[in-house]
Protein backbone atom coordinates (compact mmCIF):
# COMPACT_ATOMS: atom_id res chain seq x y z
CA UNK A 1 0.00 0.00 0.00
CA UNK A 2 1.18 3.51 -0.64
CA UNK A 3 1.68 5.51 2.56
CA UNK A 4 -1.36 6.67 4.44
CA UNK A 5 -1.23 9.33 7.12
CA UNK A 6 -0.26 12.74 5.73
CA UNK A 7 -0.09 11.36 2.17
CA UNK A 8 -3.56 9.93 2.11
CA UNK A 9 -6.77 11.78 1.30
CA UNK A 10 -9.42 10.47 3.60
CA UNK A 11 -13.15 10.72 3.53
CA UNK A 12 -15.34 11.83 6.39
CA UNK A 13 -15.36 9.00 8.95
CA UNK A 14 -18.67 7.22 9.18
CA UNK A 15 -20.04 5.57 12.25
CA UNK A 16 -20.24 1.82 11.84
CA UNK A 17 -22.37 -0.01 14.43
CA UNK A 18 -20.51 -2.88 16.05
CA UNK A 19 -21.99 -5.08 18.72
CA UNK A 20 -20.01 -4.84 21.97
CA UNK A 21 -17.87 -7.81 22.92
CA UNK A 22 -20.15 -8.63 25.82
CA UNK A 23 -23.10 -9.06 23.46
CA UNK A 24 -21.14 -11.50 21.32
CA UNK A 25 -20.05 -13.36 24.44
CA UNK A 26 -23.63 -13.67 25.67
CA UNK A 27 -24.66 -14.92 22.24
CA UNK A 28 -21.91 -17.52 22.35
CA UNK A 29 -23.04 -18.73 25.77
CA UNK A 30 -26.63 -18.95 24.56
CA UNK A 31 -25.64 -20.96 21.53
CA UNK A 32 -23.60 -23.36 23.65
CA UNK A 33 -26.55 -23.95 25.94
CA UNK A 34 -29.07 -24.67 23.18
CA UNK A 35 -29.46 -27.93 21.28
CA UNK A 36 -28.65 -31.34 22.69
CA UNK A 37 -25.98 -33.58 21.31
CA UNK A 38 -23.52 -30.85 20.29
CA UNK A 39 -19.98 -31.43 21.49
CA UNK A 40 -16.85 -29.34 21.78
CA UNK A 41 -16.57 -25.64 22.44
CA UNK A 42 -17.19 -22.44 20.57
CA UNK A 43 -14.53 -21.20 18.19
CA UNK A 44 -13.33 -17.77 19.25
CA UNK A 45 -14.92 -14.67 17.75
CA UNK A 46 -11.69 -12.92 16.84
CA UNK A 47 -8.13 -14.22 17.01
CA UNK A 48 -7.02 -11.60 19.50
CA UNK A 49 -5.08 -9.40 17.08
CA UNK A 50 -3.51 -6.57 19.13
CA UNK A 51 -5.14 -3.90 16.94
CA UNK A 52 -8.18 -5.67 15.48
CA UNK A 53 -9.20 -8.17 18.19
CA UNK A 54 -12.50 -9.10 16.50
CA UNK A 55 -10.86 -9.85 13.15
CA UNK A 56 -10.65 -13.50 12.21
CA UNK A 57 -12.03 -16.38 14.22
CA UNK A 58 -10.70 -19.24 16.28
CA UNK A 59 -11.22 -22.99 16.08
CA UNK A 60 -10.68 -23.61 12.37
CA UNK A 61 -8.37 -22.97 9.44
CA UNK A 62 -9.78 -22.06 6.00
CA UNK A 63 -8.23 -23.81 3.02
CA UNK A 64 -10.46 -22.59 0.18
CA UNK A 65 -13.09 -19.98 -0.68
CA UNK A 66 -15.54 -20.68 -3.49
CA UNK A 67 -17.49 -17.48 -4.20
CA UNK A 68 -20.39 -17.25 -6.65
CA UNK A 69 -21.43 -13.62 -6.97
CA UNK A 70 -23.75 -11.45 -9.02
CA UNK A 71 -23.60 -7.65 -9.01
CA UNK A 72 -25.61 -5.02 -10.84
CA UNK A 73 -24.29 -1.45 -10.52
CA UNK A 74 -27.71 -0.05 -11.45
CA UNK A 75 -29.20 -1.34 -8.20
CA UNK A 76 -25.92 -1.66 -6.23
CA UNK A 77 -27.16 -5.07 -5.14
CA UNK A 78 -24.80 -7.98 -4.56
CA UNK A 79 -26.00 -11.56 -4.20
CA UNK A 80 -23.64 -14.35 -3.33
CA UNK A 81 -23.04 -17.88 -2.25
CA UNK A 82 -19.83 -18.49 -0.31
CA UNK A 83 -18.65 -22.09 0.03
CA UNK A 84 -15.88 -22.01 2.65
CA UNK A 85 -13.81 -25.16 3.09
CA UNK A 86 -11.97 -25.41 6.39
CA UNK A 87 -10.41 -27.78 8.90
CA UNK A 88 -11.46 -27.72 12.55
CA UNK A 89 -8.51 -27.17 14.91
CA UNK A 90 -10.51 -28.21 17.97
CA UNK A 91 -13.81 -29.90 18.75
CA UNK A 92 -16.42 -27.30 17.82
CA UNK A 93 -20.01 -26.88 18.88
CA UNK A 94 -20.14 -23.58 16.95
CA UNK A 95 -17.85 -21.25 15.02
CA UNK A 96 -17.91 -17.70 13.68
CA UNK A 97 -17.44 -16.09 10.28
CA UNK A 98 -16.80 -12.38 9.74
CA UNK A 99 -19.50 -10.67 7.66
CA UNK A 100 -20.41 -6.98 7.82
CA UNK A 101 -23.90 -5.90 6.75
CA UNK A 102 -25.60 -7.95 4.01
CA UNK A 103 -28.53 -10.26 4.71
CA UNK A 104 -28.03 -13.97 5.25
CA UNK A 105 -30.64 -16.23 3.69
CA UNK A 106 -29.31 -19.65 4.66
CA UNK A 107 -26.34 -21.50 6.12
CA UNK A 108 -25.44 -25.14 5.64
CA UNK A 109 -22.54 -27.20 6.96
CA UNK A 110 -21.94 -30.16 4.70
CA UNK A 111 -25.33 -31.41 3.55
CA UNK A 112 -27.26 -30.15 6.56
CA UNK A 113 -28.87 -26.84 7.40
CA UNK A 114 -27.21 -25.11 10.33
CA UNK A 115 -28.51 -22.75 12.96
CA UNK A 116 -26.99 -19.29 12.81
CA UNK A 117 -27.11 -15.92 14.56
CA UNK A 118 -25.79 -12.41 13.79
CA UNK A 119 -24.12 -9.99 16.18
CA UNK A 120 -22.25 -7.07 14.65
CA UNK A 121 -19.67 -8.48 12.24
CA UNK A 122 -20.03 -11.99 13.66
CA UNK A 123 -22.01 -14.70 11.90
CA UNK A 124 -22.14 -17.54 14.42
CA UNK A 125 -22.85 -20.98 12.96
CA UNK A 126 -23.90 -24.04 14.94
CA UNK A 127 -23.41 -27.20 12.84
CA UNK A 128 -25.65 -30.15 13.49
CA UNK A 129 -23.83 -32.49 15.89
CA UNK A 130 -20.76 -30.28 16.08
CA UNK A 131 -17.37 -30.84 14.44
CA UNK A 132 -14.43 -32.96 15.51
CA UNK A 133 -10.89 -31.68 15.89
CA UNK A 134 -9.13 -32.23 12.55
CA UNK A 135 -12.38 -32.65 10.60
CA UNK A 136 -12.57 -30.98 7.19
CA UNK A 137 -15.92 -29.31 6.57
CA UNK A 138 -17.64 -26.96 4.15
CA UNK A 139 -19.91 -24.16 5.29
CA UNK A 140 -22.07 -22.58 2.60
CA UNK A 141 -23.64 -19.16 3.16
CA UNK A 142 -26.24 -17.62 0.85
CA UNK A 143 -26.44 -13.86 1.27
CA UNK A 144 -27.40 -10.63 -0.49
CA UNK A 145 -27.82 -6.92 -0.05
CA UNK A 146 -26.17 -3.60 -0.80
CA UNK A 147 -22.56 -3.82 0.39
CA UNK A 148 -21.11 -0.72 1.97
CA UNK A 149 -17.68 0.79 2.59
CA UNK A 150 -16.02 0.34 5.96
CA UNK A 151 -14.19 3.24 7.59
CA UNK A 152 -11.06 1.97 9.28
CA UNK A 153 -9.38 3.56 12.31
CA UNK A 154 -7.22 5.95 10.26
CA UNK A 155 -10.33 7.39 8.59
CA UNK A 156 -9.83 5.78 5.18
CA UNK A 157 -12.50 3.81 3.33
CA UNK A 158 -12.24 0.21 2.28
CA UNK A 159 -14.61 -2.70 1.74
CA UNK A 160 -17.03 -2.20 -1.16
CA UNK A 161 -16.48 1.10 -2.97
CA UNK A 162 -18.97 2.10 -5.63
CA UNK A 163 -17.43 3.62 -8.74
CA UNK A 164 -18.80 5.56 -11.70
CA UNK A 165 -19.43 2.37 -13.69
CA UNK A 166 -19.29 -0.43 -11.12
CA UNK A 167 -17.51 -1.20 -7.87
CA UNK A 168 -14.09 -1.83 -6.39
CA UNK A 169 -13.49 -4.13 -3.41
CA UNK A 170 -10.45 -3.36 -1.25
CA UNK A 171 -9.72 -5.21 1.95
CA UNK A 172 -6.89 -3.77 4.05
CA UNK A 173 -7.21 -4.29 6.93
CA UNK A 174 -10.76 -5.62 7.43
CA UNK A 175 -12.74 -4.57 4.36
CA UNK A 176 -13.19 -8.00 2.77
CA UNK A 177 -15.92 -8.87 5.27
CA UNK A 178 -18.07 -6.26 3.47
CA UNK A 179 -18.51 -8.56 0.45
CA UNK A 180 -18.02 -12.17 1.55
CA UNK A 181 -18.09 -14.14 4.81
CA UNK A 182 -14.83 -15.63 5.99
CA UNK A 183 -11.99 -15.76 8.45
CA UNK A 184 -10.78 -12.25 7.80
CA UNK A 185 -7.38 -12.08 9.44
CA UNK A 186 -4.02 -12.23 7.62
CA UNK A 187 -2.96 -15.27 9.64
CA UNK A 188 -5.45 -17.50 7.75
CA UNK A 189 -4.63 -17.72 4.03
CA UNK A 190 -6.46 -19.83 1.46
CA UNK A 191 -6.94 -20.50 -2.25
CA UNK A 192 -9.87 -18.90 -4.08
CA UNK A 193 -12.33 -19.50 -6.91
CA UNK A 194 -14.65 -16.67 -7.94
CA UNK A 195 -17.49 -16.74 -10.43
CA UNK A 196 -18.84 -13.21 -10.88
CA UNK A 197 -21.84 -12.31 -13.04
CA UNK A 198 -22.31 -8.72 -14.21
CA UNK A 199 -24.35 -6.95 -16.90
CA UNK A 200 -23.02 -7.55 -20.41
CA UNK A 201 -20.51 -4.87 -21.38
CA UNK A 202 -18.92 -4.75 -17.94
CA UNK A 203 -15.95 -6.77 -16.76
CA UNK A 204 -15.22 -8.42 -13.43
CA UNK A 205 -11.48 -8.51 -12.65
CA UNK A 206 -10.04 -10.36 -9.67
CA UNK A 207 -6.90 -12.10 -8.43
CA UNK A 208 -5.17 -15.08 -9.98
CA UNK A 209 -6.02 -16.38 -13.42
CA UNK A 210 -9.05 -15.77 -15.61
CA UNK A 211 -10.36 -19.28 -16.35
CA UNK A 212 -13.64 -18.51 -18.10
CA UNK A 213 -15.86 -15.85 -19.67
CA UNK A 214 -19.41 -16.65 -20.76
CA UNK A 215 -22.25 -14.35 -21.86
CA UNK A 216 -25.90 -15.37 -21.75
CA UNK A 217 -29.15 -13.40 -21.70
CA UNK A 218 -27.43 -10.05 -21.33
CA UNK A 219 -25.13 -11.04 -18.49
CA UNK A 220 -21.50 -12.13 -18.48
CA UNK A 221 -19.91 -14.47 -15.95
CA UNK A 222 -16.18 -14.29 -15.31
CA UNK A 223 -14.40 -17.04 -13.39
CA UNK A 224 -11.09 -16.50 -11.60
CA UNK A 225 -8.82 -19.00 -9.86
CA UNK A 226 -6.14 -18.18 -7.27
CA UNK A 227 -4.12 -21.30 -6.50
CA UNK A 228 -1.54 -19.80 -4.17
CA UNK A 229 -2.53 -19.01 -0.57
CA UNK A 230 -3.96 -15.52 -0.24
CA UNK A 231 -4.90 -13.42 2.78
CA UNK A 232 -8.39 -12.04 2.39
CA UNK A 233 -7.23 -8.43 2.78
CA UNK A 234 -5.46 -8.64 -0.60
CA UNK A 235 -8.42 -10.25 -2.36
CA UNK A 236 -10.05 -7.85 -4.79
CA UNK A 237 -12.93 -7.55 -7.23
CA UNK A 238 -13.17 -4.73 -9.75
CA UNK A 239 -16.41 -4.37 -11.72
CA UNK A 240 -16.67 -1.84 -14.53
CA UNK A 241 -15.53 -0.99 -18.03
CA UNK A 242 -11.87 -1.86 -18.55
CA UNK A 243 -9.44 -2.07 -21.41
CA UNK A 244 -7.56 -5.35 -21.07
CA UNK A 245 -3.94 -5.92 -22.08
CA UNK A 246 -2.23 -9.30 -21.91
CA UNK A 247 1.55 -9.44 -22.26
CA UNK A 248 4.41 -11.30 -20.57
CA UNK A 249 7.69 -10.58 -18.84
CA UNK A 250 10.97 -11.59 -20.51
CA UNK A 251 10.85 -14.77 -18.40
CA UNK A 252 7.37 -15.63 -19.71
CA UNK A 253 5.33 -14.60 -16.65
CA UNK A 254 1.81 -13.55 -17.76
CA UNK A 255 0.98 -9.86 -17.27
CA UNK A 256 -2.76 -9.04 -17.11
CA UNK A 257 -3.60 -5.34 -16.95
CA UNK A 258 -7.11 -3.84 -16.64
CA UNK A 259 -7.41 -0.07 -17.11
CA UNK A 260 -10.41 2.21 -16.96
CA UNK A 261 -10.75 3.61 -20.51
CA UNK A 262 -10.50 7.14 -19.15
CA UNK A 263 -6.98 6.32 -17.93
CA UNK A 264 -5.80 4.07 -20.76
CA UNK A 265 -3.77 6.59 -22.74
CA UNK A 266 -2.22 8.31 -19.73
CA UNK A 267 -1.20 5.07 -18.03
CA UNK A 268 0.25 3.29 -21.06
CA UNK A 269 3.85 4.37 -20.50
CA UNK A 270 3.77 3.70 -16.74
CA UNK A 271 2.27 0.22 -17.06
CA UNK A 272 4.68 -0.72 -19.82
CA UNK A 273 7.33 -0.75 -17.08
CA UNK A 274 5.81 -3.76 -15.31
CA UNK A 275 7.96 -6.38 -17.08
CA UNK A 276 11.10 -4.34 -16.35
CA UNK A 277 10.18 -3.87 -12.70
CA UNK A 278 9.38 -7.57 -12.32
CA UNK A 279 12.71 -8.61 -13.86
CA UNK A 280 14.55 -6.26 -11.48
CA UNK A 281 12.53 -7.44 -8.47
CA UNK A 282 13.18 -11.12 -9.17
CA UNK A 283 16.90 -10.43 -9.42
CA UNK A 284 16.87 -8.70 -6.03
CA UNK A 285 14.16 -10.54 -4.08
CA UNK A 286 14.25 -14.02 -5.57
CA UNK A 287 11.72 -16.04 -7.60
CA UNK A 288 8.29 -14.45 -8.01
CA UNK A 289 5.84 -16.31 -5.75
CA UNK A 290 2.70 -16.17 -7.94
CA UNK A 291 1.44 -17.34 -11.32
CA UNK A 292 0.90 -13.94 -12.95
CA UNK A 293 1.31 -10.24 -12.39
CA UNK A 294 -0.29 -7.04 -13.66
CA UNK A 295 -2.37 -4.11 -12.44
CA UNK A 296 -5.86 -2.66 -12.15
CA UNK A 297 -6.07 1.07 -12.84
CA UNK A 298 -9.28 2.88 -11.96
CA UNK A 299 -10.14 6.54 -11.91
CA UNK A 300 -8.54 8.83 -9.35
CA UNK A 301 -11.74 9.28 -7.37
CA UNK A 302 -12.55 5.57 -7.15
CA UNK A 303 -10.20 4.91 -4.22
CA UNK A 304 -8.02 6.91 -1.85
CA UNK A 305 -4.85 4.82 -2.11
CA UNK A 306 -3.05 2.15 -4.09
CA UNK A 307 -3.19 -1.37 -2.66
CA UNK A 308 -1.05 -4.47 -3.22
CA UNK A 309 -3.93 -6.79 -4.12
CA UNK A 310 -2.44 -10.17 -4.97
CA UNK A 311 -1.22 -10.71 -8.55
CA UNK A 312 -2.37 -7.30 -9.76
CA UNK A 313 -2.23 -4.22 -7.50
CA UNK A 314 -4.97 -1.59 -7.65
CA UNK A 315 -4.08 2.01 -8.51
CA UNK A 316 -6.45 5.01 -8.36
CA UNK A 317 -5.21 6.88 -11.39
CA UNK A 318 -1.91 6.58 -13.22
CA UNK A 319 0.82 5.20 -10.93
CA UNK A 320 4.23 6.81 -10.83
CA UNK A 321 7.25 4.52 -10.98
CA UNK A 322 7.89 4.55 -7.23
CA UNK A 323 4.32 3.51 -6.47
CA UNK A 324 4.48 0.77 -9.09
CA UNK A 325 7.71 -0.58 -7.59
CA UNK A 326 6.26 -0.34 -4.08
CA UNK A 327 3.11 -2.34 -4.82
CA UNK A 328 4.86 -4.97 -6.92
CA UNK A 329 7.48 -5.46 -4.18
CA UNK A 330 4.59 -6.23 -1.84
CA UNK A 331 3.91 -9.39 -3.82
CA UNK A 332 6.97 -10.82 -2.06
CA UNK A 333 6.70 -8.85 1.19
CA UNK A 334 3.13 -8.80 2.46
CA UNK A 335 1.34 -11.06 -0.01
CA UNK A 336 3.65 -14.10 -0.01
CA UNK A 337 5.32 -13.44 3.35
CA UNK A 338 2.29 -12.20 5.27
CA UNK A 339 2.35 -10.78 8.82
CA UNK A 340 0.97 -12.86 11.64
CA UNK A 341 -0.71 -9.79 13.15
CA UNK A 342 -1.35 -6.20 12.14
CA UNK A 343 1.32 -5.08 14.62
CA UNK A 344 3.89 -6.47 12.16
CA UNK A 345 2.85 -4.11 9.35
CA UNK A 346 6.40 -2.77 9.04
CA UNK A 347 7.45 -6.12 7.55
CA UNK A 348 5.17 -5.25 4.63
CA UNK A 349 5.73 -1.54 4.31
CA UNK A 350 9.36 -1.27 5.35
CA UNK A 351 10.39 -3.74 2.64
CA UNK A 352 8.19 -2.12 -0.03
CA UNK A 353 9.50 1.34 0.84
CA UNK A 354 13.10 0.12 0.80
CA UNK A 355 12.40 -1.40 -2.61
CA UNK A 356 11.74 2.15 -3.83
CA UNK A 357 15.14 3.22 -2.47
CA UNK A 358 16.87 0.31 -4.17
CA UNK A 359 15.14 1.00 -7.49
CA UNK A 360 16.33 4.62 -7.39
CA UNK A 361 19.84 3.47 -6.54
CA UNK A 362 19.90 1.05 -9.46
CA UNK A 363 18.36 3.45 -12.00
CA UNK A 364 20.39 6.63 -11.75
CA UNK A 365 18.72 8.16 -8.72
CA UNK A 366 19.95 8.74 -5.19
CA UNK A 367 21.76 5.92 -3.44
CA UNK A 368 19.94 4.24 -0.58
CA UNK A 369 22.56 5.74 1.74
CA UNK A 370 21.80 9.25 0.49
CA UNK A 371 18.06 8.63 0.92
CA UNK A 372 18.69 7.34 4.44
CA UNK A 373 20.84 10.35 5.35
CA UNK A 374 18.32 12.85 4.01
CA UNK A 375 15.51 11.12 5.87
CA UNK A 376 17.48 11.06 9.10
CA UNK A 377 18.54 14.71 8.85
CA UNK A 378 15.40 16.30 7.45
CA UNK A 379 12.71 13.63 7.26
CA UNK A 380 10.52 15.16 9.91
CA UNK A 381 10.09 18.20 7.66
CA UNK A 382 8.07 15.96 5.33
CA UNK A 383 6.88 13.30 7.78
CA UNK A 384 5.86 15.05 10.96
CA UNK A 385 5.20 11.76 12.73
CA UNK A 386 8.47 10.11 11.63
CA UNK A 387 9.88 9.73 15.14
CA UNK A 388 6.58 9.34 17.01
CA UNK A 389 6.97 5.59 17.59
CA UNK A 390 9.24 2.73 16.51
CA UNK A 391 8.21 0.73 13.43
CA UNK A 392 7.64 -2.52 15.33
CA UNK A 393 5.45 -0.83 17.95
CA UNK A 394 2.66 1.22 16.37
CA UNK A 395 0.67 2.90 19.10
CA UNK A 396 -2.79 1.92 17.83
CA UNK A 397 -4.77 0.59 14.88
CA UNK A 398 -5.06 4.15 13.58
CA UNK A 399 -1.28 4.35 13.12
CA UNK A 400 -0.27 1.10 11.42
CA UNK A 401 0.02 2.98 8.12
CA UNK A 402 1.92 5.99 9.42
CA UNK A 403 5.29 7.07 8.09
CA UNK A 404 7.03 5.63 11.15
CA UNK A 405 6.03 2.20 9.85
CA UNK A 406 6.99 2.86 6.22
CA UNK A 407 10.02 5.12 6.41
CA UNK A 408 11.54 3.96 9.70
CA UNK A 409 10.88 0.38 8.62
CA UNK A 410 13.01 1.03 5.54
CA UNK A 411 15.65 2.64 7.73
CA UNK A 412 15.87 -0.54 9.82
CA UNK A 413 16.59 -2.53 6.67
CA UNK A 414 19.24 -0.05 5.60
CA UNK A 415 20.94 -0.28 9.01
CA UNK A 416 21.06 -4.07 8.56
CA UNK A 417 22.60 -3.58 5.12
CA UNK A 418 25.18 -1.16 6.54
CA UNK A 419 26.11 -3.74 9.16
CA UNK A 420 26.41 -6.88 7.03
CA UNK A 421 27.34 -5.55 3.58
CA UNK A 422 25.56 -6.04 0.28
CA UNK A 423 26.25 -9.72 -0.32
CA UNK A 424 24.91 -10.87 3.03
CA UNK A 425 22.08 -8.34 2.93
CA UNK A 426 20.70 -9.67 -0.35
CA UNK A 427 21.14 -13.21 0.97
CA UNK A 428 18.96 -12.18 3.90
CA UNK A 429 16.31 -10.52 1.72
CA UNK A 430 16.03 -13.43 -0.70
CA UNK A 431 16.31 -16.06 2.02
CA UNK A 432 13.59 -14.40 4.08
CA UNK A 433 11.23 -14.37 1.11
CA UNK A 434 12.02 -18.04 0.40
CA UNK A 435 11.87 -19.28 4.00
CA UNK A 436 8.36 -17.91 4.57
CA UNK A 437 7.02 -18.18 1.02
CA UNK A 438 3.19 -18.34 1.10
CA UNK A 439 3.29 -18.28 4.90
CA UNK A 440 3.09 -15.93 7.87
CA UNK A 441 5.83 -14.38 9.96
CA UNK A 442 6.29 -11.76 12.67
CA UNK A 443 9.03 -9.43 13.83
CA UNK A 444 10.60 -12.00 16.15
CA UNK A 445 10.85 -14.41 13.21
CA UNK A 446 12.62 -11.72 11.19
CA UNK A 447 15.15 -10.69 13.80
CA UNK A 448 15.96 -14.35 14.51
CA UNK A 449 16.44 -14.97 10.79
CA UNK A 450 18.80 -12.01 10.39
CA UNK A 451 20.89 -13.12 13.36
CA UNK A 452 21.07 -16.66 11.97
CA UNK A 453 22.25 -15.44 8.56
CA UNK A 454 24.92 -13.15 10.04
CA UNK A 455 26.02 -14.94 13.23
CA UNK A 456 29.15 -12.84 13.73
CA UNK A 457 27.33 -9.53 13.89
CA UNK A 458 25.79 -7.72 16.84
CA UNK A 459 22.31 -6.43 15.94
CA UNK A 460 21.26 -5.48 19.46
CA UNK A 461 21.67 -1.76 18.82
CA UNK A 462 19.57 -1.91 15.67
CA UNK A 463 16.79 -3.82 17.38
CA UNK A 464 16.82 -1.75 20.57
CA UNK A 465 17.19 1.70 19.03
CA UNK A 466 15.83 1.50 15.47
CA UNK A 467 13.24 -1.25 15.54
CA UNK A 468 11.82 -0.96 19.07
CA UNK A 469 13.29 2.24 20.52
CA UNK A 470 11.37 5.43 21.14
CA UNK A 471 12.44 8.73 19.68
CA UNK A 472 15.15 9.51 17.15
CA UNK A 473 18.01 7.02 17.39
CA UNK A 474 21.67 8.03 17.33
CA UNK A 475 22.89 7.83 13.74
CA UNK A 476 26.23 6.12 14.43
């Protein structure tokens, strides 16, 4: 994602009703008490994320989402069936899915109807007879309604954003629950299949690979398949009129680009850089972790920020080169290596920001050292909050996208590079991406990995002063 905070235009925050935790707890107790023969316990509503404690759910692990959707921009109505395949990680008498707004028509687990209740963003499901620890199950939810945006703690809008000719779904950090039910926390990644039906003349663009396109009776259905694990916050769906370009990188990686016709001419030169950026990124970060790349370019007013949606990032308007590099670097750092909690956001944004520095260094711009020095000496002139908190310790959910996370995160990486030298540094960067490919990791995992790769070095000062320390660290 491009930096939020002072660089992000935000809308007027909207109040979003959320049931208090005590109400959800009372509901859980009530569900446990009802119905004879159920065994096990309730899966947790929320995984206890330090900044978004209600996000995600306990007691199961999702392996696959099968979404069948229909959307008509004329009515703004979305109807869907979500078939969620998961494995129970404990005996379960009930479990929760995250779903904001939208009306639920029915819920089944396997071949049987299931009892369900709503409380805020929680859809609590009680399967007939319960589920055994280790059991694989499929819960199918039929739902519909007019999906709405979600205002997150920094005031920005995500979720389901209506556009001039359709809609754009963006999920960071919790917006995906606005358009499909699921386990919406980055720690639970899954594969995806989407079948999306829209009025003929519109396109539906998503992650992964386009596997089908069929028009019948004035409506077109697009099917998309994402084989690699994906966190729901980088799942996307763009509905509207798009010009489509299919090319490939020099290595043969498919490049699928969807551009709003109003931006097609202006974005042509910028998007033509994708193969070059990808070739450079693979050289520096290691093998690309996904089956295709590309971009979705909408109009400037359609979103407030660019986002690293998997396979093809979303850009509101024509991206500059730095933004393009930033979001494509996220495919390694954030999308493939995904944080265990939202506290570890710097592992996404620090790497993507440092990728911008490296690109400049390699393409006739300032060296990373010069960028680091300028940021240290004068950075607070541009980023007023630069030294407000250390990158690994954001103060609240409202600040996980502040410049302290992005810029100071990049500074941590540069301090590591200064300490170990270029050869070992790039071994660390590529090894980190490989060791946690398609997985999750946190800051402790990263610091342990760095120390393992450079056993003769002392990193205590970097960790204590730059990664976790308050205030402006000493430069030397």
